[in-house]
N, C-alpha and C. Protein backbone atom coordinates (compact mmCIF):
# COMPACT_ATOMS: atom_id res chain seq x y z
N MET A 1 -42.62 30.61 -2.50
CA MET A 1 -43.72 29.66 -2.51
C MET A 1 -44.29 29.51 -1.10
N VAL A 2 -45.60 29.57 -1.00
CA VAL A 2 -46.27 29.43 0.29
C VAL A 2 -46.20 27.98 0.76
N GLN A 3 -45.85 27.79 2.00
CA GLN A 3 -45.77 26.45 2.59
C GLN A 3 -47.12 26.07 3.19
N ILE A 4 -47.45 24.80 3.12
CA ILE A 4 -48.74 24.34 3.62
C ILE A 4 -48.91 24.62 5.11
N GLY A 5 -47.86 24.43 5.88
CA GLY A 5 -47.94 24.73 7.31
C GLY A 5 -48.32 26.18 7.56
N ASP A 6 -47.82 27.08 6.72
CA ASP A 6 -48.16 28.50 6.85
C ASP A 6 -49.64 28.74 6.57
N VAL A 7 -50.20 27.98 5.64
CA VAL A 7 -51.62 28.11 5.30
C VAL A 7 -52.47 27.76 6.51
N PHE A 8 -52.13 26.70 7.21
CA PHE A 8 -52.89 26.31 8.40
C PHE A 8 -52.76 27.37 9.50
N GLU A 9 -51.57 27.93 9.66
CA GLU A 9 -51.37 29.01 10.63
C GLU A 9 -52.24 30.22 10.25
N GLU A 10 -52.28 30.56 8.97
CA GLU A 10 -53.06 31.70 8.49
C GLU A 10 -54.56 31.45 8.67
N MET A 11 -54.99 30.21 8.55
CA MET A 11 -56.40 29.88 8.72
C MET A 11 -56.90 30.29 10.11
N LEU A 12 -56.03 30.22 11.11
CA LEU A 12 -56.43 30.63 12.45
C LEU A 12 -56.87 32.09 12.47
N ASN A 13 -56.23 32.94 11.65
CA ASN A 13 -56.58 34.36 11.58
C ASN A 13 -57.94 34.59 10.94
N HIS A 14 -58.43 33.62 10.17
CA HIS A 14 -59.71 33.76 9.48
C HIS A 14 -60.81 32.93 10.12
N PHE A 15 -60.51 32.35 11.27
CA PHE A 15 -61.49 31.51 11.96
C PHE A 15 -62.70 32.33 12.36
N ASN A 16 -63.88 31.87 11.99
CA ASN A 16 -65.14 32.54 12.29
C ASN A 16 -65.75 31.88 13.53
N SER A 17 -65.47 32.46 14.70
CA SER A 17 -65.93 31.85 15.94
C SER A 17 -67.46 31.82 16.03
N GLY A 18 -68.12 32.79 15.41
CA GLY A 18 -69.59 32.80 15.40
C GLY A 18 -70.16 31.58 14.72
N ALA A 19 -69.54 31.19 13.61
CA ALA A 19 -70.01 30.01 12.87
C ALA A 19 -69.70 28.72 13.62
N ALA A 20 -68.76 28.79 14.55
CA ALA A 20 -68.35 27.59 15.29
C ALA A 20 -69.10 27.41 16.60
N GLN A 21 -69.97 28.35 16.96
CA GLN A 21 -70.72 28.22 18.22
C GLN A 21 -71.48 26.89 18.23
N GLY A 22 -71.36 26.18 19.33
CA GLY A 22 -72.05 24.90 19.48
C GLY A 22 -71.31 23.73 18.85
N THR A 23 -70.19 23.99 18.22
CA THR A 23 -69.41 22.91 17.59
C THR A 23 -68.22 22.57 18.48
N ASN A 24 -68.14 21.33 18.87
CA ASN A 24 -66.99 20.81 19.60
C ASN A 24 -66.49 19.61 18.81
N ALA A 25 -65.41 19.84 18.07
CA ALA A 25 -64.94 18.79 17.16
C ALA A 25 -63.46 19.00 16.84
N VAL A 26 -62.85 17.96 16.31
CA VAL A 26 -61.48 18.04 15.82
C VAL A 26 -61.49 17.69 14.33
N TYR A 27 -61.03 18.64 13.53
CA TYR A 27 -60.89 18.46 12.09
C TYR A 27 -59.42 18.17 11.80
N GLN A 28 -59.15 17.01 11.23
CA GLN A 28 -57.77 16.65 10.93
C GLN A 28 -57.56 16.61 9.42
N PHE A 29 -56.47 17.23 8.98
CA PHE A 29 -56.10 17.26 7.57
C PHE A 29 -54.88 16.38 7.37
N ASN A 30 -55.03 15.34 6.56
CA ASN A 30 -53.93 14.45 6.21
C ASN A 30 -53.52 14.81 4.78
N ILE A 31 -52.43 15.55 4.66
CA ILE A 31 -51.99 16.06 3.38
C ILE A 31 -50.83 15.21 2.87
N SER A 32 -50.96 14.70 1.64
CA SER A 32 -49.90 13.91 1.04
C SER A 32 -49.10 14.78 0.07
N GLY A 33 -47.94 14.29 -0.34
CA GLY A 33 -47.11 15.01 -1.29
C GLY A 33 -45.88 15.61 -0.62
N PRO A 34 -45.06 16.30 -1.41
CA PRO A 34 -43.80 16.84 -0.90
C PRO A 34 -43.96 17.78 0.30
N GLN A 35 -45.06 18.53 0.35
CA GLN A 35 -45.30 19.42 1.49
C GLN A 35 -46.26 18.80 2.51
N GLY A 36 -46.47 17.52 2.38
CA GLY A 36 -47.46 16.83 3.20
C GLY A 36 -47.16 16.86 4.69
N GLY A 37 -48.17 16.48 5.42
CA GLY A 37 -48.09 16.42 6.87
C GLY A 37 -49.49 16.28 7.44
N ILE A 38 -49.58 16.35 8.73
CA ILE A 38 -50.88 16.23 9.40
C ILE A 38 -51.06 17.44 10.31
N TRP A 39 -52.21 18.08 10.15
CA TRP A 39 -52.58 19.23 10.98
C TRP A 39 -54.02 19.01 11.43
N ALA A 40 -54.33 19.47 12.62
CA ALA A 40 -55.70 19.35 13.13
C ALA A 40 -56.12 20.66 13.78
N PHE A 41 -57.40 20.96 13.65
CA PHE A 41 -57.99 22.09 14.34
C PHE A 41 -58.93 21.54 15.40
N LYS A 42 -58.69 21.89 16.65
CA LYS A 42 -59.59 21.52 17.74
C LYS A 42 -60.49 22.72 17.99
N ILE A 43 -61.77 22.54 17.75
CA ILE A 43 -62.75 23.61 17.92
C ILE A 43 -63.62 23.28 19.12
N GLU A 44 -63.62 24.20 20.07
CA GLU A 44 -64.36 23.97 21.30
C GLU A 44 -64.80 25.31 21.88
N ASN A 45 -66.08 25.42 22.17
CA ASN A 45 -66.64 26.63 22.79
C ASN A 45 -66.30 27.90 22.01
N GLY A 46 -66.34 27.81 20.67
CA GLY A 46 -66.09 28.98 19.83
C GLY A 46 -64.63 29.35 19.68
N ALA A 47 -63.73 28.54 20.23
CA ALA A 47 -62.29 28.78 20.12
C ALA A 47 -61.66 27.71 19.24
N CYS A 48 -60.50 28.03 18.68
CA CYS A 48 -59.83 27.10 17.78
C CYS A 48 -58.35 27.03 18.09
N ASP A 49 -57.83 25.81 18.17
CA ASP A 49 -56.39 25.58 18.36
C ASP A 49 -55.88 24.71 17.22
N LEU A 50 -54.68 25.02 16.74
CA LEU A 50 -54.04 24.23 15.70
C LEU A 50 -53.11 23.22 16.37
N ILE A 51 -53.23 21.96 15.96
CA ILE A 51 -52.41 20.89 16.52
C ILE A 51 -51.58 20.29 15.39
N LYS A 52 -50.29 20.57 15.38
CA LYS A 52 -49.40 20.00 14.37
C LYS A 52 -49.17 18.53 14.70
N GLY A 53 -49.28 17.68 13.71
CA GLY A 53 -49.09 16.26 13.92
C GLY A 53 -50.40 15.52 14.16
N GLY A 54 -51.49 16.25 14.36
CA GLY A 54 -52.80 15.63 14.48
C GLY A 54 -53.08 15.02 15.84
N VAL A 55 -54.18 14.28 15.88
CA VAL A 55 -54.66 13.64 17.11
C VAL A 55 -54.99 12.18 16.82
N ASP A 56 -55.26 11.42 17.87
CA ASP A 56 -55.57 9.99 17.71
C ASP A 56 -56.97 9.73 17.17
N ALA A 57 -57.94 10.51 17.60
CA ALA A 57 -59.33 10.22 17.22
C ALA A 57 -60.06 11.51 16.79
N PRO A 58 -59.77 12.00 15.58
CA PRO A 58 -60.45 13.22 15.13
C PRO A 58 -61.93 12.96 14.82
N SER A 59 -62.73 14.00 14.88
CA SER A 59 -64.15 13.90 14.52
C SER A 59 -64.31 13.74 13.02
N VAL A 60 -63.44 14.42 12.27
CA VAL A 60 -63.47 14.38 10.81
C VAL A 60 -62.03 14.34 10.32
N GLU A 61 -61.76 13.45 9.35
CA GLU A 61 -60.46 13.41 8.69
C GLU A 61 -60.65 13.79 7.23
N ILE A 62 -59.82 14.71 6.78
CA ILE A 62 -59.86 15.17 5.40
C ILE A 62 -58.51 14.85 4.79
N ALA A 63 -58.52 14.06 3.72
CA ALA A 63 -57.28 13.64 3.08
C ALA A 63 -57.24 14.12 1.64
N LEU A 64 -56.11 14.71 1.25
CA LEU A 64 -55.91 15.14 -0.12
C LEU A 64 -54.45 15.47 -0.35
N ALA A 65 -54.09 15.65 -1.61
CA ALA A 65 -52.71 15.97 -1.98
C ALA A 65 -52.43 17.44 -1.72
N ASP A 66 -51.16 17.73 -1.49
CA ASP A 66 -50.75 19.10 -1.19
C ASP A 66 -51.15 20.08 -2.30
N ALA A 67 -50.97 19.71 -3.56
CA ALA A 67 -51.31 20.61 -4.67
C ALA A 67 -52.81 20.90 -4.71
N ASP A 68 -53.62 19.89 -4.42
CA ASP A 68 -55.08 20.09 -4.42
C ASP A 68 -55.50 20.98 -3.25
N TRP A 69 -54.88 20.79 -2.09
CA TRP A 69 -55.20 21.62 -0.93
C TRP A 69 -54.88 23.09 -1.22
N MET A 70 -53.71 23.33 -1.81
CA MET A 70 -53.34 24.71 -2.13
C MET A 70 -54.30 25.31 -3.16
N ALA A 71 -54.71 24.51 -4.14
CA ALA A 71 -55.66 25.00 -5.15
C ALA A 71 -57.00 25.37 -4.52
N ILE A 72 -57.44 24.59 -3.54
CA ILE A 72 -58.69 24.90 -2.84
C ILE A 72 -58.53 26.21 -2.05
N ARG A 73 -57.46 26.33 -1.32
CA ARG A 73 -57.24 27.53 -0.50
C ARG A 73 -57.08 28.78 -1.35
N GLU A 74 -56.55 28.63 -2.57
CA GLU A 74 -56.37 29.77 -3.47
C GLU A 74 -57.63 30.06 -4.29
N GLY A 75 -58.67 29.25 -4.11
CA GLY A 75 -59.91 29.46 -4.83
C GLY A 75 -59.88 28.96 -6.26
N LYS A 76 -58.88 28.14 -6.59
CA LYS A 76 -58.75 27.62 -7.95
C LYS A 76 -59.44 26.26 -8.12
N LEU A 77 -59.78 25.62 -7.01
CA LEU A 77 -60.46 24.32 -7.03
C LEU A 77 -61.57 24.36 -5.99
N ASN A 78 -62.77 24.03 -6.40
CA ASN A 78 -63.91 23.98 -5.51
C ASN A 78 -63.82 22.69 -4.69
N SER A 79 -63.97 22.82 -3.37
CA SER A 79 -63.82 21.65 -2.51
C SER A 79 -64.87 20.58 -2.79
N GLN A 80 -66.09 20.98 -3.12
CA GLN A 80 -67.13 20.00 -3.44
C GLN A 80 -66.79 19.26 -4.73
N MET A 81 -66.23 19.99 -5.71
CA MET A 81 -65.83 19.35 -6.96
C MET A 81 -64.67 18.39 -6.71
N ALA A 82 -63.73 18.80 -5.86
CA ALA A 82 -62.60 17.93 -5.52
C ALA A 82 -63.10 16.64 -4.86
N PHE A 83 -64.11 16.77 -4.01
CA PHE A 83 -64.70 15.60 -3.36
C PHE A 83 -65.34 14.68 -4.40
N MET A 84 -66.12 15.27 -5.31
CA MET A 84 -66.80 14.48 -6.35
C MET A 84 -65.81 13.78 -7.28
N GLN A 85 -64.66 14.41 -7.50
CA GLN A 85 -63.63 13.84 -8.37
C GLN A 85 -62.73 12.85 -7.64
N GLY A 86 -62.94 12.67 -6.35
CA GLY A 86 -62.14 11.74 -5.56
C GLY A 86 -60.79 12.30 -5.14
N LYS A 87 -60.57 13.59 -5.35
CA LYS A 87 -59.31 14.21 -4.94
C LYS A 87 -59.30 14.52 -3.45
N LEU A 88 -60.47 14.71 -2.87
CA LEU A 88 -60.63 15.04 -1.46
C LEU A 88 -61.47 13.93 -0.84
N LYS A 89 -60.94 13.31 0.20
CA LYS A 89 -61.66 12.22 0.86
C LYS A 89 -61.98 12.64 2.29
N ILE A 90 -63.19 12.31 2.71
CA ILE A 90 -63.64 12.67 4.05
C ILE A 90 -64.03 11.40 4.79
N LYS A 91 -63.53 11.30 6.03
CA LYS A 91 -63.86 10.16 6.88
C LYS A 91 -64.38 10.74 8.19
N GLY A 92 -65.52 10.26 8.64
CA GLY A 92 -66.08 10.76 9.89
C GLY A 92 -67.40 11.46 9.64
N ASP A 93 -67.72 12.42 10.49
CA ASP A 93 -69.00 13.11 10.48
C ASP A 93 -69.11 14.07 9.30
N MET A 94 -69.90 13.70 8.31
CA MET A 94 -70.05 14.50 7.10
C MET A 94 -70.72 15.85 7.41
N ASN A 95 -71.63 15.89 8.38
CA ASN A 95 -72.27 17.17 8.74
C ASN A 95 -71.23 18.16 9.27
N LEU A 96 -70.30 17.68 10.06
CA LEU A 96 -69.23 18.55 10.54
C LEU A 96 -68.37 19.03 9.38
N ALA A 97 -68.08 18.14 8.46
CA ALA A 97 -67.26 18.51 7.30
C ALA A 97 -67.92 19.64 6.51
N MET A 98 -69.24 19.61 6.39
CA MET A 98 -69.96 20.62 5.63
C MET A 98 -69.85 22.01 6.29
N LYS A 99 -69.63 22.05 7.59
CA LYS A 99 -69.53 23.33 8.31
C LYS A 99 -68.17 24.00 8.16
N LEU A 100 -67.21 23.27 7.66
CA LEU A 100 -65.84 23.75 7.62
C LEU A 100 -65.69 25.07 6.87
N GLN A 101 -66.34 25.21 5.72
CA GLN A 101 -66.18 26.42 4.92
C GLN A 101 -66.71 27.67 5.64
N THR A 102 -67.75 27.52 6.44
CA THR A 102 -68.27 28.68 7.15
C THR A 102 -67.38 29.06 8.33
N MET A 103 -66.69 28.08 8.91
CA MET A 103 -65.81 28.37 10.03
C MET A 103 -64.46 28.94 9.57
N PHE A 104 -64.03 28.54 8.37
CA PHE A 104 -62.78 29.02 7.82
C PHE A 104 -63.01 29.55 6.41
N PRO A 105 -63.67 30.72 6.29
CA PRO A 105 -63.94 31.25 4.96
C PRO A 105 -62.65 31.60 4.23
N ILE A 106 -62.63 31.30 2.94
CA ILE A 106 -61.47 31.67 2.12
C ILE A 106 -61.62 33.14 1.78
N SER A 107 -60.58 33.90 2.09
CA SER A 107 -60.66 35.34 1.81
C SER A 107 -59.68 35.75 0.74
């Protein structure tokens, strides 16, 4: 079984630095459930760093259950649908949240 921490590590390999040009932000994922935890991506000058445990003041916070996060990453759940259903909650800059899929395309 794939661990959620491994998914965040793998996301670094799929980071699209071109889509991140001009974006300086911290995206924090607050994942609940048995595999839950907090991970953040600090995006600055087209580069991305993963911060385990998160940060104090992220630009965007994304909260959801571990099973829903895995379903989104596996392409089994659309993130916009999850948001509409209340499974995915976003706090902070919604415009930044909308850019997330282009910076971390699901492959």
